[in-house]
Amino acid sequence: MVHVAKYLGGADTEASESELEAVMEVLQPGWRAKVVARRFRPSLTVSAGLPRAANGGLSGRPSVEVPHVDGLYRVGDWVGAEGMLADASLASAEAVEQALVQRTATSQRSAAGA
């Protein structure tokens, strides 16, 4: 996955897909031939929530498990006690995978003993 973004603000308020494509041409010539799927999201809202000591630092972020909905999990750069940005996204995805494997193993043990 490749993500190209430009944060708008101040005098620069125009979102331009062609500008982002030009950046990709410089960084990855020939990228268009490799595209499987793409999205241009000019109105995407971004959250800049940094872990703060007052909130428990990284461990103050929500866990991957949604406590009040059994079997629902979260993944993202704002989830879990490990990493920032892409590292946190991948770490939370791995934690969900481990939770699902554990859940499956537990379910199979219960069914076998029934």
PDB file of N, CA and C in Angstrom:
ATOM      1  N   MET A   1       0.845  -1.164   0.000  1.00  0.00           N
ATOM      2  CA  MET A   1       0.000   0.000   0.000  1.00  0.00           C
ATOM      3  C   MET A   1       0.894   1.230   0.000  1.00  0.00           C
ATOM      4  N   VAL A   2       0.507   2.194  -0.786  1.00  0.00           N
ATOM      5  CA  VAL A   2       1.209   3.472  -0.829  1.00  0.00           C
ATOM      6  C   VAL A   2       0.196   4.556  -0.528  1.00  0.00           C
ATOM      7  N   HIS A   3       0.597   5.470   0.325  1.00  0.00           N
ATOM      8  CA  HIS A   3      -0.278   6.560   0.741  1.00  0.00           C
ATOM      9  C   HIS A   3       0.451   7.864   0.437  1.00  0.00           C
ATOM     10  N   VAL A   4      -0.192   8.736  -0.318  1.00  0.00           N
ATOM     11  CA  VAL A   4       0.367  10.052  -0.597  1.00  0.00           C
ATOM     12  C   VAL A   4      -0.624  11.067  -0.071  1.00  0.00           C
ATOM     13  N   ALA A   5      -0.140  11.995   0.730  1.00  0.00           N
ATOM     14  CA  ALA A   5      -1.047  12.964   1.350  1.00  0.00           C
ATOM     15  C   ALA A   5      -0.435  14.346   1.353  1.00  0.00           C
ATOM     16  N   LYS A   6      -1.315  15.311   1.393  1.00  0.00           N
ATOM     17  CA  LYS A   6      -0.915  16.708   1.547  1.00  0.00           C
ATOM     18  C   LYS A   6      -1.887  17.322   2.534  1.00  0.00           C
ATOM     19  N   TYR A   7      -1.366  17.818   3.619  1.00  0.00           N
ATOM     20  CA  TYR A   7      -2.209  18.457   4.619  1.00  0.00           C
ATOM     21  C   TYR A   7      -2.458  19.897   4.199  1.00  0.00           C
ATOM     22  N   LEU A   8      -3.714  20.255   4.128  1.00  0.00           N
ATOM     23  CA  LEU A   8      -4.093  21.588   3.685  1.00  0.00           C
ATOM     24  C   LEU A   8      -4.268  22.511   4.876  1.00  0.00           C
ATOM     25  N   GLY A   9      -4.009  23.771   4.657  1.00  0.00           N
ATOM     26  CA  GLY A   9      -4.201  24.758   5.713  1.00  0.00           C
ATOM     27  C   GLY A   9      -3.592  26.075   5.307  1.00  0.00           C
ATOM     28  N   GLY A  10      -3.930  27.106   6.039  1.00  0.00           N
ATOM     29  CA  GLY A  10      -3.409  28.432   5.711  1.00  0.00           C
ATOM     30  C   GLY A  10      -3.898  28.865   4.352  1.00  0.00           C
ATOM     31  N   ALA A  11      -2.982  29.342   3.525  1.00  0.00           N
ATOM     32  CA  ALA A  11      -3.347  29.814   2.190  1.00  0.00           C
ATOM     33  C   ALA A  11      -3.581  28.659   1.215  1.00  0.00           C
ATOM     34  N   ASP A  12      -3.057  27.479   1.519  1.00  0.00           N
ATOM     35  CA  ASP A  12      -3.183  26.316   0.629  1.00  0.00           C
ATOM     36  C   ASP A  12      -4.427  25.511   1.008  1.00  0.00           C
ATOM     37  N   THR A  13      -5.534  25.751   0.319  1.00  0.00           N
ATOM     38  CA  THR A  13      -6.794  25.100   0.663  1.00  0.00           C
ATOM     39  C   THR A  13      -7.356  24.240  -0.457  1.00  0.00           C
ATOM     40  N   GLU A  14      -6.640  24.117  -1.553  1.00  0.00           N
ATOM     41  CA  GLU A  14      -7.131  23.348  -2.697  1.00  0.00           C
ATOM     42  C   GLU A  14      -6.520  21.948  -2.717  1.00  0.00           C
ATOM     43  N   ALA A  15      -7.385  20.945  -2.746  1.00  0.00           N
ATOM     44  CA  ALA A  15      -6.937  19.568  -2.882  1.00  0.00           C
ATOM     45  C   ALA A  15      -6.779  19.267  -4.362  1.00  0.00           C
ATOM     46  N   SER A  16      -5.628  18.730  -4.757  1.00  0.00           N
ATOM     47  CA  SER A  16      -5.361  18.471  -6.166  1.00  0.00           C
ATOM     48  C   SER A  16      -4.855  17.040  -6.364  1.00  0.00           C
ATOM     49  N   GLU A  17      -5.679  16.228  -7.010  1.00  0.00           N
ATOM     50  CA  GLU A  17      -5.278  14.853  -7.295  1.00  0.00           C
ATOM     51  C   GLU A  17      -4.084  14.826  -8.241  1.00  0.00           C
ATOM     52  N   SER A  18      -4.074  15.728  -9.217  1.00  0.00           N
ATOM     53  CA  SER A  18      -2.963  15.754 -10.177  1.00  0.00           C
ATOM     54  C   SER A  18      -1.639  16.112  -9.493  1.00  0.00           C
ATOM     55  N   GLU A  19      -1.685  16.944  -8.463  1.00  0.00           N
ATOM     56  CA  GLU A  19      -0.469  17.283  -7.718  1.00  0.00           C
ATOM     57  C   GLU A  19       0.074  16.055  -6.987  1.00  0.00           C
ATOM     58  N   LEU A  20      -0.818  15.275  -6.383  1.00  0.00           N
ATOM     59  CA  LEU A  20      -0.386  14.054  -5.703  1.00  0.00           C
ATOM     60  C   LEU A  20       0.148  13.026  -6.691  1.00  0.00           C
ATOM     61  N   GLU A  21      -0.490  12.924  -7.848  1.00  0.00           N
ATOM     62  CA  GLU A  21      -0.013  12.008  -8.886  1.00  0.00           C
ATOM     63  C   GLU A  21       1.378  12.405  -9.370  1.00  0.00           C
ATOM     64  N   ALA A  22       1.638  13.695  -9.475  1.00  0.00           N
ATOM     65  CA  ALA A  22       2.963  14.172  -9.891  1.00  0.00           C
ATOM     66  C   ALA A  22       4.029  13.783  -8.872  1.00  0.00           C
ATOM     67  N   VAL A  23       3.687  13.837  -7.596  1.00  0.00           N
ATOM     68  CA  VAL A  23       4.622  13.399  -6.557  1.00  0.00           C
ATOM     69  C   VAL A  23       4.918  11.912  -6.729  1.00  0.00           C
ATOM     70  N   MET A  24       3.882  11.122  -6.981  1.00  0.00           N
ATOM     71  CA  MET A  24       4.086   9.687  -7.196  1.00  0.00           C
ATOM     72  C   MET A  24       4.971   9.416  -8.409  1.00  0.00           C
ATOM     73  N   GLU A  25       4.821  10.200  -9.458  1.00  0.00           N
ATOM     74  CA  GLU A  25       5.660  10.017 -10.653  1.00  0.00           C
ATOM     75  C   GLU A  25       7.138  10.202 -10.327  1.00  0.00           C
ATOM     76  N   VAL A  26       7.441  11.146  -9.439  1.00  0.00           N
ATOM     77  CA  VAL A  26       8.826  11.384  -9.034  1.00  0.00           C
ATOM     78  C   VAL A  26       9.322  10.249  -8.143  1.00  0.00           C
ATOM     79  N   LEU A  27       8.479   9.828  -7.188  1.00  0.00           N
ATOM     80  CA  LEU A  27       8.890   8.812  -6.213  1.00  0.00           C
ATOM     81  C   LEU A  27       8.886   7.396  -6.766  1.00  0.00           C
ATOM     82  N   GLN A  28       7.875   7.080  -7.588  1.00  0.00           N
ATOM     83  CA  GLN A  28       7.706   5.719  -8.102  1.00  0.00           C
ATOM     84  C   GLN A  28       7.309   5.762  -9.579  1.00  0.00           C
ATOM     85  N   PRO A  29       8.246   6.056 -10.463  1.00  0.00           N
ATOM     86  CA  PRO A  29       7.897   6.086 -11.888  1.00  0.00           C
ATOM     87  C   PRO A  29       7.272   4.752 -12.317  1.00  0.00           C
ATOM     88  N   GLY A  30       6.225   4.835 -13.129  1.00  0.00           N
ATOM     89  CA  GLY A  30       5.545   3.636 -13.603  1.00  0.00           C
ATOM     90  C   GLY A  30       4.503   3.096 -12.647  1.00  0.00           C
ATOM     91  N   TRP A  31       4.194   3.821 -11.601  1.00  0.00           N
ATOM     92  CA  TRP A  31       3.261   3.350 -10.569  1.00  0.00           C
ATOM     93  C   TRP A  31       1.881   3.040 -11.107  1.00  0.00           C
ATOM     94  N   ARG A  32       1.433   3.766 -12.105  1.00  0.00           N
ATOM     95  CA  ARG A  32       0.066   3.576 -12.623  1.00  0.00           C
ATOM     96  C   ARG A  32      -0.180   2.149 -13.127  1.00  0.00           C
ATOM     97  N   ALA A  33       0.844   1.519 -13.657  1.00  0.00           N
ATOM     98  CA  ALA A  33       0.703   0.158 -14.180  1.00  0.00           C
ATOM     99  C   ALA A  33       0.507  -0.869 -13.064  1.00  0.00           C
ATOM    100  N   LYS A  34       0.829  -0.507 -11.848  1.00  0.00           N
ATOM    101  CA  LYS A  34       0.748  -1.431 -10.708  1.00  0.00           C
ATOM    102  C   LYS A  34      -0.486  -1.222  -9.835  1.00  0.00           C
ATOM    103  N   VAL A  35      -1.292  -0.211 -10.148  1.00  0.00           N
ATOM    104  CA  VAL A  35      -2.432   0.122  -9.285  1.00  0.00           C
ATOM    105  C   VAL A  35      -3.480  -0.981  -9.321  1.00  0.00           C
ATOM    106  N   VAL A  36      -3.877  -1.429  -8.160  1.00  0.00           N
ATOM    107  CA  VAL A  36      -4.962  -2.394  -8.016  1.00  0.00           C
ATOM    108  C   VAL A  36      -6.239  -1.647  -7.642  1.00  0.00           C
ATOM    109  N   ALA A  37      -6.115  -0.727  -6.715  1.00  0.00           N
ATOM    110  CA  ALA A  37      -7.249   0.103  -6.289  1.00  0.00           C
ATOM    111  C   ALA A  37      -6.691   1.429  -5.818  1.00  0.00           C
ATOM    112  N   ARG A  38      -7.480   2.471  -5.968  1.00  0.00           N
ATOM    113  CA  ARG A  38      -7.031   3.773  -5.489  1.00  0.00           C
ATOM    114  C   ARG A  38      -8.224   4.628  -5.110  1.00  0.00           C
ATOM    115  N   ARG A  39      -7.960   5.564  -4.209  1.00  0.00           N
ATOM    116  CA  ARG A  39      -8.998   6.502  -3.771  1.00  0.00           C
ATOM    117  C   ARG A  39      -8.384   7.877  -3.623  1.00  0.00           C
ATOM    118  N   PHE A  40      -9.126   8.870  -4.003  1.00  0.00           N
ATOM    119  CA  PHE A  40      -8.760  10.264  -3.758  1.00  0.00           C
ATOM    120  C   PHE A  40      -9.755  10.780  -2.734  1.00  0.00           C
ATOM    121  N   ARG A  41      -9.279  11.139  -1.572  1.00  0.00           N
ATOM    122  CA  ARG A  41     -10.155  11.534  -0.462  1.00  0.00           C
ATOM    123  C   ARG A  41      -9.846  12.968  -0.051  1.00  0.00           C
ATOM    124  N   PRO A  42     -10.281  13.958  -0.817  1.00  0.00           N
ATOM    125  CA  PRO A  42      -9.914  15.344  -0.516  1.00  0.00           C
ATOM    126  C   PRO A  42     -10.561  15.914   0.740  1.00  0.00           C
ATOM    127  N   SER A  43     -11.596  15.270   1.252  1.00  0.00           N
ATOM    128  CA  SER A  43     -12.281  15.794   2.439  1.00  0.00           C
ATOM    129  C   SER A  43     -12.083  14.910   3.663  1.00  0.00           C
ATOM    130  N   LEU A  44     -11.077  14.085   3.653  1.00  0.00           N
ATOM    131  CA  LEU A  44     -10.820  13.172   4.761  1.00  0.00           C
ATOM    132  C   LEU A  44     -10.415  13.951   6.008  1.00  0.00           C
ATOM    133  N   THR A  45     -11.084  13.683   7.103  1.00  0.00           N
ATOM    134  CA  THR A  45     -10.744  14.322   8.368  1.00  0.00           C
ATOM    135  C   THR A  45      -9.662  13.510   9.051  1.00  0.00           C
ATOM    136  N   VAL A  46      -8.634  14.175   9.502  1.00  0.00           N
ATOM    137  CA  VAL A  46      -7.496  13.519  10.140  1.00  0.00           C
ATOM    138  C   VAL A  46      -7.491  13.881  11.615  1.00  0.00           C
ATOM    139  N   SER A  47      -7.223  12.898  12.446  1.00  0.00           N
ATOM    140  CA  SER A  47      -7.117  13.136  13.883  1.00  0.00           C
ATOM    141  C   SER A  47      -5.642  13.170  14.260  1.00  0.00           C
ATOM    142  N   ALA A  48      -5.275  14.150  15.000  1.00  0.00           N
ATOM    143  CA  ALA A  48      -3.877  14.276  15.410  1.00  0.00           C
ATOM    144  C   ALA A  48      -3.730  13.995  16.899  1.00  0.00           C
ATOM    145  N   GLY A  49      -4.277  12.901  17.336  1.00  0.00           N
ATOM    146  CA  GLY A  49      -4.227  12.563  18.756  1.00  0.00           C
ATOM    147  C   GLY A  49      -2.899  11.942  19.131  1.00  0.00           C
ATOM    148  N   LEU A  50      -2.087  12.679  19.825  1.00  0.00           N
ATOM    149  CA  LEU A  50      -0.815  12.149  20.297  1.00  0.00           C
ATOM    150  C   LEU A  50      -0.982  11.555  21.689  1.00  0.00           C
ATOM    151  N   PRO A  51      -0.305  10.443  21.951  1.00  0.00           N
ATOM    152  CA  PRO A  51      -0.353   9.893  23.309  1.00  0.00           C
ATOM    153  C   PRO A  51       0.283  10.891  24.274  1.00  0.00           C
ATOM    154  N   ARG A  52      -0.411  11.203  25.348  1.00  0.00           N
ATOM    155  CA  ARG A  52       0.090  12.166  26.323  1.00  0.00           C
ATOM    156  C   ARG A  52       0.295  11.477  27.659  1.00  0.00           C
ATOM    157  N   ALA A  53       1.291  11.929  28.381  1.00  0.00           N
ATOM    158  CA  ALA A  53       1.575  11.358  29.699  1.00  0.00           C
ATOM    159  C   ALA A  53       0.359  11.451  30.610  1.00  0.00           C
ATOM    160  N   ALA A  54      -0.368  12.556  30.512  1.00  0.00           N
ATOM    161  CA  ALA A  54      -1.542  12.745  31.366  1.00  0.00           C
ATOM    162  C   ALA A  54      -2.627  11.714  31.101  1.00  0.00           C
ATOM    163  N   ASN A  55      -2.616  11.122  29.916  1.00  0.00           N
ATOM    164  CA  ASN A  55      -3.612  10.106  29.549  1.00  0.00           C
ATOM    165  C   ASN A  55      -3.047   8.693  29.603  1.00  0.00           C
ATOM    166  N   GLY A  56      -1.845   8.536  30.141  1.00  0.00           N
ATOM    167  CA  GLY A  56      -1.249   7.209  30.256  1.00  0.00           C
ATOM    168  C   GLY A  56      -0.290   6.857  29.137  1.00  0.00           C
ATOM    169  N   GLY A  57       0.074   7.838  28.304  1.00  0.00           N
ATOM    170  CA  GLY A  57       1.006   7.574  27.209  1.00  0.00           C
ATOM    171  C   GLY A  57       0.436   6.565  26.228  1.00  0.00           C
ATOM    172  N   LEU A  58       1.284   5.741  25.662  1.00  0.00           N
ATOM    173  CA  LEU A  58       0.826   4.726  24.702  1.00  0.00           C
ATOM    174  C   LEU A  58      -0.164   3.763  25.337  1.00  0.00           C
ATOM    175  N   SER A  59       0.059   3.429  26.607  1.00  0.00           N
ATOM    176  CA  SER A  59      -0.846   2.481  27.272  1.00  0.00           C
ATOM    177  C   SER A  59      -2.218   3.102  27.552  1.00  0.00           C
ATOM    178  N   GLY A  60      -2.350   4.407  27.368  1.00  0.00           N
ATOM    179  CA  GLY A  60      -3.639   5.068  27.555  1.00  0.00           C
ATOM    180  C   GLY A  60      -4.539   5.000  26.331  1.00  0.00           C
ATOM    181  N   ARG A  61      -3.998   4.504  25.216  1.00  0.00           N
ATOM    182  CA  ARG A  61      -4.825   4.363  24.018  1.00  0.00           C
ATOM    183  C   ARG A  61      -5.751   3.162  24.172  1.00  0.00           C
ATOM    184  N   PRO A  62      -6.866   3.155  23.432  1.00  0.00           N
ATOM    185  CA  PRO A  62      -7.793   2.021  23.558  1.00  0.00           C
ATOM    186  C   PRO A  62      -7.160   0.718  23.073  1.00  0.00           C
ATOM    187  N   SER A  63      -7.586  -0.379  23.661  1.00  0.00           N
ATOM    188  CA  SER A  63      -7.088  -1.692  23.240  1.00  0.00           C
ATOM    189  C   SER A  63      -7.787  -2.108  21.944  1.00  0.00           C
ATOM    190  N   VAL A  64      -7.305  -3.178  21.342  1.00  0.00           N
ATOM    191  CA  VAL A  64      -7.922  -3.652  20.097  1.00  0.00           C
ATOM    192  C   VAL A  64      -9.305  -4.229  20.343  1.00  0.00           C
ATOM    193  N   GLU A  65      -9.534  -4.767  21.528  1.00  0.00           N
ATOM    194  CA  GLU A  65     -10.842  -5.356  21.824  1.00  0.00           C
ATOM    195  C   GLU A  65     -11.821  -4.278  22.265  1.00  0.00           C
ATOM    196  N   VAL A  66     -13.016  -4.296  21.674  1.00  0.00           N
ATOM    197  CA  VAL A  66     -14.078  -3.382  22.091  1.00  0.00           C
ATOM    198  C   VAL A  66     -14.800  -4.088  23.230  1.00  0.00           C
ATOM    199  N   PRO A  67     -14.652  -3.593  24.456  1.00  0.00           N
ATOM    200  CA  PRO A  67     -15.107  -4.358  25.623  1.00  0.00           C
ATOM    201  C   PRO A  67     -16.604  -4.648  25.674  1.00  0.00           C
ATOM    202  N   HIS A  68     -17.429  -3.782  25.156  1.00  0.00           N
ATOM    203  CA  HIS A  68     -18.876  -3.976  25.285  1.00  0.00           C
ATOM    204  C   HIS A  68     -19.516  -4.675  24.086  1.00  0.00           C
ATOM    205  N   VAL A  69     -18.692  -5.097  23.091  1.00  0.00           N
ATOM    206  CA  VAL A  69     -19.223  -5.816  21.932  1.00  0.00           C
ATOM    207  C   VAL A  69     -18.329  -7.030  21.681  1.00  0.00           C
ATOM    208  N   ASP A  70     -18.783  -8.199  22.090  1.00  0.00           N
ATOM    209  CA  ASP A  70     -17.994  -9.421  21.957  1.00  0.00           C
ATOM    210  C   ASP A  70     -17.670  -9.695  20.492  1.00  0.00           C
ATOM    211  N   GLY A  71     -16.395  -9.900  20.203  1.00  0.00           N
ATOM    212  CA  GLY A  71     -15.967 -10.236  18.849  1.00  0.00           C
ATOM    213  C   GLY A  71     -15.704  -9.048  17.948  1.00  0.00           C
ATOM    214  N   LEU A  72     -15.806  -7.818  18.467  1.00  0.00           N
ATOM    215  CA  LEU A  72     -15.510  -6.626  17.671  1.00  0.00           C
ATOM    216  C   LEU A  72     -14.147  -6.096  18.079  1.00  0.00           C
ATOM    217  N   TYR A  73     -13.328  -5.778  17.073  1.00  0.00           N
ATOM    218  CA  TYR A  73     -11.962  -5.333  17.322  1.00  0.00           C
ATOM    219  C   TYR A  73     -11.684  -4.038  16.572  1.00  0.00           C
ATOM    220  N   ARG A  74     -10.675  -3.304  17.063  1.00  0.00           N
ATOM    221  CA  ARG A  74     -10.241  -2.057  16.427  1.00  0.00           C
ATOM    222  C   ARG A  74      -8.819  -2.231  15.909  1.00  0.00           C
ATOM    223  N   VAL A  75      -8.526  -1.556  14.796  1.00  0.00           N
ATOM    224  CA  VAL A  75      -7.180  -1.510  14.245  1.00  0.00           C
ATOM    225  C   VAL A  75      -6.930  -0.077  13.808  1.00  0.00           C
ATOM    226  N   GLY A  76      -5.756   0.445  14.086  1.00  0.00           N
ATOM    227  CA  GLY A  76      -5.441   1.785  13.613  1.00  0.00           C
ATOM    228  C   GLY A  76      -4.216   2.366  14.271  1.00  0.00           C
ATOM    229  N   ASP A  77      -3.843   3.539  13.806  1.00  0.00           N
ATOM    230  CA  ASP A  77      -2.655   4.190  14.346  1.00  0.00           C
ATOM    231  C   ASP A  77      -2.901   4.823  15.704  1.00  0.00           C
ATOM    232  N   TRP A  78      -4.114   4.772  16.175  1.00  0.00           N
ATOM    233  CA  TRP A  78      -4.513   5.339  17.466  1.00  0.00           C
ATOM    234  C   TRP A  78      -4.865   4.250  18.480  1.00  0.00           C
ATOM    235  N   VAL A  79      -4.603   2.980  18.125  1.00  0.00           N
ATOM    236  CA  VAL A  79      -5.035   1.836  18.930  1.00  0.00           C
ATOM    237  C   VAL A  79      -3.821   1.106  19.485  1.00  0.00           C
ATOM    238  N   GLY A  80      -3.955   0.640  20.713  1.00  0.00           N
ATOM    239  CA  GLY A  80      -2.936  -0.222  21.304  1.00  0.00           C
ATOM    240  C   GLY A  80      -1.777   0.537  21.920  1.00  0.00           C
ATOM    241  N   ALA A  81      -0.990  -0.179  22.677  1.00  0.00           N
ATOM    242  CA  ALA A  81       0.102   0.414  23.455  1.00  0.00           C
ATOM    243  C   ALA A  81       1.443   0.333  22.748  1.00  0.00           C
ATOM    244  N   GLU A  82       1.445   0.083  21.450  1.00  0.00           N
ATOM    245  CA  GLU A  82       2.709  -0.084  20.743  1.00  0.00           C
ATOM    246  C   GLU A  82       2.743   0.763  19.476  1.00  0.00           C
ATOM    247  N   GLY A  83       3.834   1.484  19.284  1.00  0.00           N
ATOM    248  CA  GLY A  83       4.108   2.164  18.031  1.00  0.00           C
ATOM    249  C   GLY A  83       3.349   3.456  17.796  1.00  0.00           C
ATOM    250  N   MET A  84       3.716   4.063  16.676  1.00  0.00           N
ATOM    251  CA  MET A  84       3.069   5.286  16.208  1.00  0.00           C
ATOM    252  C   MET A  84       2.804   5.120  14.716  1.00  0.00           C
ATOM    253  N   LEU A  85       1.726   5.698  14.257  1.00  0.00           N
ATOM    254  CA  LEU A  85       1.348   5.715  12.851  1.00  0.00           C
ATOM    255  C   LEU A  85       1.320   4.303  12.265  1.00  0.00           C
ATOM    256  N   ALA A  86       2.082   4.050  11.209  1.00  0.00           N
ATOM    257  CA  ALA A  86       2.022   2.742  10.544  1.00  0.00           C
ATOM    258  C   ALA A  86       2.424   1.614  11.490  1.00  0.00           C
ATOM    259  N   ASP A  87       3.420   1.849  12.346  1.00  0.00           N
ATOM    260  CA  ASP A  87       3.833   0.823  13.313  1.00  0.00           C
ATOM    261  C   ASP A  87       2.672   0.434  14.222  1.00  0.00           C
ATOM    262  N   ALA A  88       1.925   1.440  14.694  1.00  0.00           N
ATOM    263  CA  ALA A  88       0.783   1.163  15.570  1.00  0.00           C
ATOM    264  C   ALA A  88      -0.320   0.446  14.803  1.00  0.00           C
ATOM    265  N   SER A  89      -0.545   0.830  13.556  1.00  0.00           N
ATOM    266  CA  SER A  89      -1.567   0.164  12.743  1.00  0.00           C
ATOM    267  C   SER A  89      -1.241  -1.307  12.558  1.00  0.00           C
ATOM    268  N   LEU A  90       0.005  -1.597  12.221  1.00  0.00           N
ATOM    269  CA  LEU A  90       0.405  -2.992  12.015  1.00  0.00           C
ATOM    270  C   LEU A  90       0.423  -3.766  13.331  1.00  0.00           C
ATOM    271  N   ALA A  91       0.867  -3.123  14.403  1.00  0.00           N
ATOM    272  CA  ALA A  91       0.880  -3.800  15.709  1.00  0.00           C
ATOM    273  C   ALA A  91      -0.544  -4.120  16.155  1.00  0.00           C
ATOM    274  N   SER A  92      -1.480  -3.199  15.930  1.00  0.00           N
ATOM    275  CA  SER A  92      -2.858  -3.470  16.334  1.00  0.00           C
ATOM    276  C   SER A  92      -3.483  -4.543  15.448  1.00  0.00           C
ATOM    277  N   ALA A  93      -3.139  -4.570  14.172  1.00  0.00           N
ATOM    278  CA  ALA A  93      -3.641  -5.626  13.287  1.00  0.00           C
ATOM    279  C   ALA A  93      -3.123  -6.990  13.741  1.00  0.00           C
ATOM    280  N   GLU A  94      -1.855  -7.044  14.131  1.00  0.00           N
ATOM    281  CA  GLU A  94      -1.285  -8.297  14.623  1.00  0.00           C
ATOM    282  C   GLU A  94      -1.954  -8.721  15.933  1.00  0.00           C
ATOM    283  N   ALA A  95      -2.242  -7.763  16.798  1.00  0.00           N
ATOM    284  CA  ALA A  95      -2.914  -8.087  18.062  1.00  0.00           C
ATOM    285  C   ALA A  95      -4.319  -8.627  17.816  1.00  0.00           C
ATOM    286  N   VAL A  96      -5.018  -8.084  16.826  1.00  0.00           N
ATOM    287  CA  VAL A  96      -6.346  -8.606  16.483  1.00  0.00           C
ATOM    288  C   VAL A  96      -6.220 -10.019  15.945  1.00  0.00           C
ATOM    289  N   GLU A  97      -5.230 -10.252  15.090  1.00  0.00           N
ATOM    290  CA  GLU A  97      -5.021 -11.601  14.558  1.00  0.00           C
ATOM    291  C   GLU A  97      -4.779 -12.595  15.684  1.00  0.00           C
ATOM    292  N   GLN A  98      -3.938 -12.224  16.648  1.00  0.00           N
ATOM    293  CA  GLN A  98      -3.658 -13.109  17.772  1.00  0.00           C
ATOM    294  C   GLN A  98      -4.914 -13.354  18.610  1.00  0.00           C
ATOM    295  N   ALA A  99      -5.720 -12.321  18.806  1.00  0.00           N
ATOM    296  CA  ALA A  99      -6.970 -12.475  19.562  1.00  0.00           C
ATOM    297  C   ALA A  99      -7.927 -13.407  18.835  1.00  0.00           C
ATOM    298  N   LEU A 100      -7.997 -13.298  17.503  1.00  0.00           N
ATOM    299  CA  LEU A 100      -8.890 -14.166  16.727  1.00  0.00           C
ATOM    300  C   LEU A 100      -8.413 -15.612  16.732  1.00  0.00           C
ATOM    301  N   VAL A 101      -7.096 -15.811  16.650  1.00  0.00           N
ATOM    302  CA  VAL A 101      -6.550 -17.171  16.713  1.00  0.00           C
ATOM    303  C   VAL A 101      -6.857 -17.774  18.079  1.00  0.00           C
ATOM    304  N   GLN A 102      -6.653 -17.010  19.139  1.00  0.00           N
ATOM    305  CA  GLN A 102      -6.943 -17.486  20.495  1.00  0.00           C
ATOM    306  C   GLN A 102      -8.427 -17.788  20.646  1.00  0.00           C
ATOM    307  N   ARG A 103      -9.266 -16.925  20.119  1.00  0.00           N
ATOM    308  CA  ARG A 103     -10.723 -17.115  20.204  1.00  0.00           C
ATOM    309  C   ARG A 103     -11.140 -18.389  19.474  1.00  0.00           C
ATOM    310  N   THR A 104     -10.551 -18.622  18.306  1.00  0.00           N
ATOM    311  CA  THR A 104     -10.863 -19.821  17.528  1.00  0.00           C
ATOM    312  C   THR A 104     -10.406 -21.073  18.262  1.00  0.00           C
ATOM    313  N   ALA A 105      -9.199 -21.020  18.822  1.00  0.00           N
ATOM    314  CA  ALA A 105      -8.673 -22.172  19.555  1.00  0.00           C
ATOM    315  C   ALA A 105      -9.546 -22.475  20.770  1.00  0.00           C
ATOM    316  N   THR A 106      -9.986 -21.453  21.480  1.00  0.00           N
ATOM    317  CA  THR A 106     -10.841 -21.623  22.646  1.00  0.00           C
ATOM    318  C   THR A 106     -12.193 -22.220  22.241  1.00  0.00           C
ATOM    319  N   SER A 107     -12.745 -21.731  21.142  1.00  0.00           N
ATOM    320  CA  SER A 107     -14.041 -22.241  20.648  1.00  0.00           C
ATOM    321  C   SER A 107     -13.929 -23.706  20.263  1.00  0.00           C
ATOM    322  N   GLN A 108     -12.828 -24.089  19.624  1.00  0.00           N
ATOM    323  CA  GLN A 108     -12.650 -25.475  19.194  1.00  0.00           C
ATOM    324  C   GLN A 108     -12.496 -26.398  20.400  1.00  0.00           C
ATOM    325  N   ARG A 109     -11.802 -25.947  21.446  1.00  0.00           N
ATOM    326  CA  ARG A 109     -11.636 -26.753  22.661  1.00  0.00           C
ATOM    327  C   ARG A 109     -12.981 -26.939  23.347  1.00  0.00           C
ATOM    328  N   SER A 110     -13.798 -25.884  23.377  1.00  0.00           N
ATOM    329  CA  SER A 110     -15.116 -25.984  24.008  1.00  0.00           C
ATOM    330  C   SER A 110     -16.008 -26.954  23.257  1.00  0.00           C
ATOM    331  N   ALA A 111     -15.971 -26.878  21.919  1.00  0.00           N
ATOM    332  CA  ALA A 111     -16.827 -27.741  21.109  1.00  0.00           C
ATOM    333  C   ALA A 111     -16.409 -29.205  21.226  1.00  0.00           C
ATOM    334  N   ALA A 112     -15.096 -29.446  21.333  1.00  0.00           N
ATOM    335  CA  ALA A 112     -14.610 -30.825  21.419  1.00  0.00           C
ATOM    336  C   ALA A 112     -15.019 -31.481  22.732  1.00  0.00           C
ATOM    337  N   GLY A 113     -15.124 -30.691  23.794  1.00  0.00           N
ATOM    338  CA  GLY A 113     -15.473 -31.255  25.096  1.00  0.00           C
ATOM    339  C   GLY A 113     -16.955 -31.284  25.379  1.00  0.00           C
ATOM    340  N   ALA A 114     -17.767 -30.797  24.443  1.00  0.00           N
ATOM    341  CA  ALA A 114     -19.213 -30.730  24.675  1.00  0.00           C
ATOM    342  C   ALA A 114     -19.861 -32.084  24.611  1.00  0.00           C
TER     343      ALA A 114
END
